Each structure stands twice: as structure tokens, then as C-alpha cells.
Protein backbone atom coordinates (compact mmCIF):
# COMPACT_ATOMS: atom_id res chain seq x y z
CA MET A 1 64.71 -88.81 28.13
CA ALA A 2 67.94 -89.82 29.84
CA PRO A 3 68.97 -93.47 29.78
CA ARG A 4 68.18 -95.34 33.00
CA PHE A 5 71.06 -96.49 35.20
CA ASP A 6 70.25 -100.19 34.76
CA SER A 7 70.03 -99.87 30.97
CA LEU A 8 73.42 -98.12 30.99
CA GLN A 9 74.82 -101.00 33.02
CA ASP A 10 73.59 -103.34 30.27
CA VAL A 11 75.23 -101.14 27.63
CA ARG A 12 78.48 -101.20 29.59
CA HIS A 13 78.38 -104.99 29.95
CA ASP A 14 77.74 -105.53 26.24
CA LEU A 15 80.38 -102.98 25.24
CA LEU A 16 82.94 -104.82 27.36
CA ASP A 17 81.99 -108.06 25.58
CA LEU A 18 82.35 -106.31 22.22
CA HIS A 19 85.70 -104.85 23.23
CA ARG A 20 86.89 -108.30 24.34
CA ALA A 21 85.79 -109.84 21.02
CA LEU A 22 87.60 -107.09 19.08
CA VAL A 23 90.78 -107.51 21.11
CA GLU A 24 90.72 -111.28 20.60
CA ALA A 25 90.17 -110.86 16.85
CA GLU A 26 92.99 -108.33 16.64
CA ARG A 27 95.27 -110.59 18.64
CA ARG A 28 94.71 -113.42 16.16
CA ASN A 29 95.54 -111.10 13.25
CA TYR A 30 98.50 -109.53 15.06
CA GLU A 31 100.01 -112.89 16.00
CA ARG A 32 99.43 -114.30 12.53
CA VAL A 33 101.98 -111.76 11.29
CA ARG A 34 104.31 -111.54 14.30
CA GLY A 35 104.06 -114.96 15.91
CA ARG A 36 102.59 -115.99 19.25
CA LEU A 37 103.05 -113.49 22.07
CA PRO A 38 102.81 -113.92 25.83
CA ASP A 39 99.83 -112.08 27.33
CA ARG A 40 102.02 -109.33 28.81
CA ALA A 41 103.74 -108.67 25.48
CA PHE A 42 100.40 -108.47 23.68
CA LEU A 43 99.04 -106.11 26.34
CA GLU A 44 102.05 -103.86 25.81
CA ALA A 45 101.44 -103.98 22.05
CA LEU A 46 97.76 -103.21 22.61
CA ILE A 47 98.74 -100.10 24.54
CA ASN A 48 101.72 -98.95 22.48
CA ASP A 49 101.52 -100.27 18.91
CA PRO A 50 99.88 -97.78 16.54
CA ALA A 51 98.52 -100.72 14.52
CA LEU A 52 96.22 -101.50 17.47
CA GLY A 53 95.55 -97.89 18.41
CA TRP A 54 92.21 -97.82 16.61
CA LEU A 55 90.67 -99.71 19.55
CA SER A 56 91.32 -96.73 21.83
CA ALA A 57 88.22 -94.93 20.50
CA LEU A 58 85.98 -97.63 21.97
CA THR A 59 88.11 -97.97 25.10
CA ALA A 60 87.78 -94.24 25.79
CA LEU A 61 83.98 -94.36 25.51
CA ILE A 62 83.80 -97.35 27.86
CA VAL A 63 85.91 -95.43 30.38
CA ARG A 64 83.62 -92.41 30.00
CA LEU A 65 80.57 -94.58 30.55
CA ASP A 66 82.21 -96.04 33.66
CA GLU A 67 82.73 -92.52 34.99
CA LEU A 68 79.09 -91.66 34.37
CA LEU A 69 77.97 -94.81 36.17
CA GLU A 70 79.91 -94.08 39.34
CA GLU A 71 77.54 -93.75 42.27
CA ASP A 72 78.63 -90.26 43.18
CA SER A 73 78.85 -88.99 39.60
CA PRO A 74 77.54 -85.41 39.51
CA GLU A 75 77.15 -85.55 35.73
CA PRO A 76 73.76 -84.41 34.43
CA ALA A 77 71.49 -86.74 32.46
CA SER A 78 72.45 -84.91 29.28
CA GLU A 79 76.02 -86.21 29.69
CA ARG A 80 74.75 -89.80 29.78
CA GLU A 81 72.64 -89.12 26.69
CA HIS A 82 75.64 -87.62 24.92
CA CYS A 83 77.87 -90.59 25.81
CA VAL A 84 75.30 -93.09 24.53
CA ALA A 85 74.92 -91.06 21.32
CA GLN A 86 78.70 -91.12 20.82
CA ILE A 87 78.77 -94.89 21.31
CA ARG A 88 75.94 -95.37 18.79
CA LYS A 89 77.76 -93.19 16.27
CA LEU A 90 81.02 -95.05 16.77
CA LEU A 91 79.42 -98.48 16.32
CA LYS A 92 77.32 -97.54 13.31
CA PRO A 93 78.77 -99.38 10.33
CA ALA A 94 80.21 -97.06 7.69
CA ALA A 95 79.36 -94.06 9.85
CA GLY A 96 82.55 -92.33 8.85
CA ALA A 97 85.88 -92.69 7.20
CA THR A 98 87.80 -92.89 10.45
CA GLU A 99 90.36 -95.60 11.07
CA PHE A 100 88.08 -97.04 13.75
CA HIS A 101 85.19 -97.40 11.30
CA ARG A 102 87.38 -99.05 8.66
CA LYS A 103 88.95 -101.51 11.10
CA TYR A 104 85.62 -102.18 12.80
CA ALA A 105 84.00 -103.01 9.45
CA GLU A 106 86.87 -105.44 8.75
CA ALA A 107 86.41 -107.08 12.17
CA LEU A 108 82.69 -107.47 11.50
CA GLN A 109 83.51 -109.22 8.22
CA GLN A 110 86.15 -111.52 9.72
CA SER A 111 84.88 -112.51 13.16
CA PRO A 112 81.53 -114.09 14.00
CA ASP A 113 82.21 -113.31 17.67
CA VAL A 114 82.46 -109.61 16.85
CA VAL A 115 79.21 -109.77 14.88
CA VAL A 116 77.36 -111.37 17.80
CA ALA A 117 78.84 -108.91 20.32
CA HIS A 118 77.99 -105.99 18.01
CA GLY A 119 74.38 -107.16 17.79
CA LYS A 120 74.08 -107.42 21.57
CA ALA A 121 75.63 -103.99 22.07
CA MET A 122 73.28 -102.42 19.54
CA LEU A 123 70.26 -104.01 21.26
CA ALA A 124 71.43 -102.67 24.61
CA LEU A 125 71.88 -99.22 23.08
CA GLU A 126 68.36 -99.41 21.63
CA ARG A 127 66.92 -100.36 25.03
CA ALA A 128 68.83 -97.46 26.60
CA LYS A 129 66.68 -95.05 24.56
CA THR A 130 63.59 -95.88 26.59
């Protein structure tokens, strides 16, 4: 059964919170090594520095979910199911040996905010099944 629109909105909201928590955690780590950066400089680093590139896997799935939630999206229900399945797989701890999974596991160990956001996102994903 395809996820309902409102449950996908909840998933999107919680993924954005998770993404925000990850970016904030990475910023703390990044600035610990490089010194304090203005917001614009950190945003440029977030986009261009390969050390922060691992976050793009989650960013890309959030963008895909946004596309599927557009009012006039012609995408079939199976596309929404596939997107949710990809998100679940990405957020599953130790699901693979990708850079994302390694860095995500580190963030879960280091940041209580990431742990809380992860839990909320996983609950939203679980509710999206029904």
C-alpha cells in the first residue's frame, strides 16, 4: 500500500529536522578543526567540501520526496513507496559500508540531537507504512 500524502509530509518534516541536526553536528566538528566560520562560508563548505559531501545522500532523498509531494506530481504510488524504502535503507544503522553510513553512525554516537531526530524520523517512516 502506498504511503498517504499526510504521512509523507510527516516524514519530510522529520527528515528536515534530522538533516538540520546533522548539519549542526557537522558544523561543530568542522569548526573545531578550522575555526569559526560565517554562515555563508560554512554553506559554501557544505556544498563544496568533500569532507561534508556525505550529507548529499540524505539531501538528495529529501529533494526527491519534495518532488513526489508536489501537488501536480504525476508520479505513481510505487515511486513514493520506492523513495520511502530508500530513506529507510539510508537511515538504517550499519546498513552498509558507505561513507554516509559510517559518518551517520558517528553522528549518532556524538550528538544527542541527531539521536532524537533519528528516532522521530524512524517513527514517521514506520507510520508511513500504514
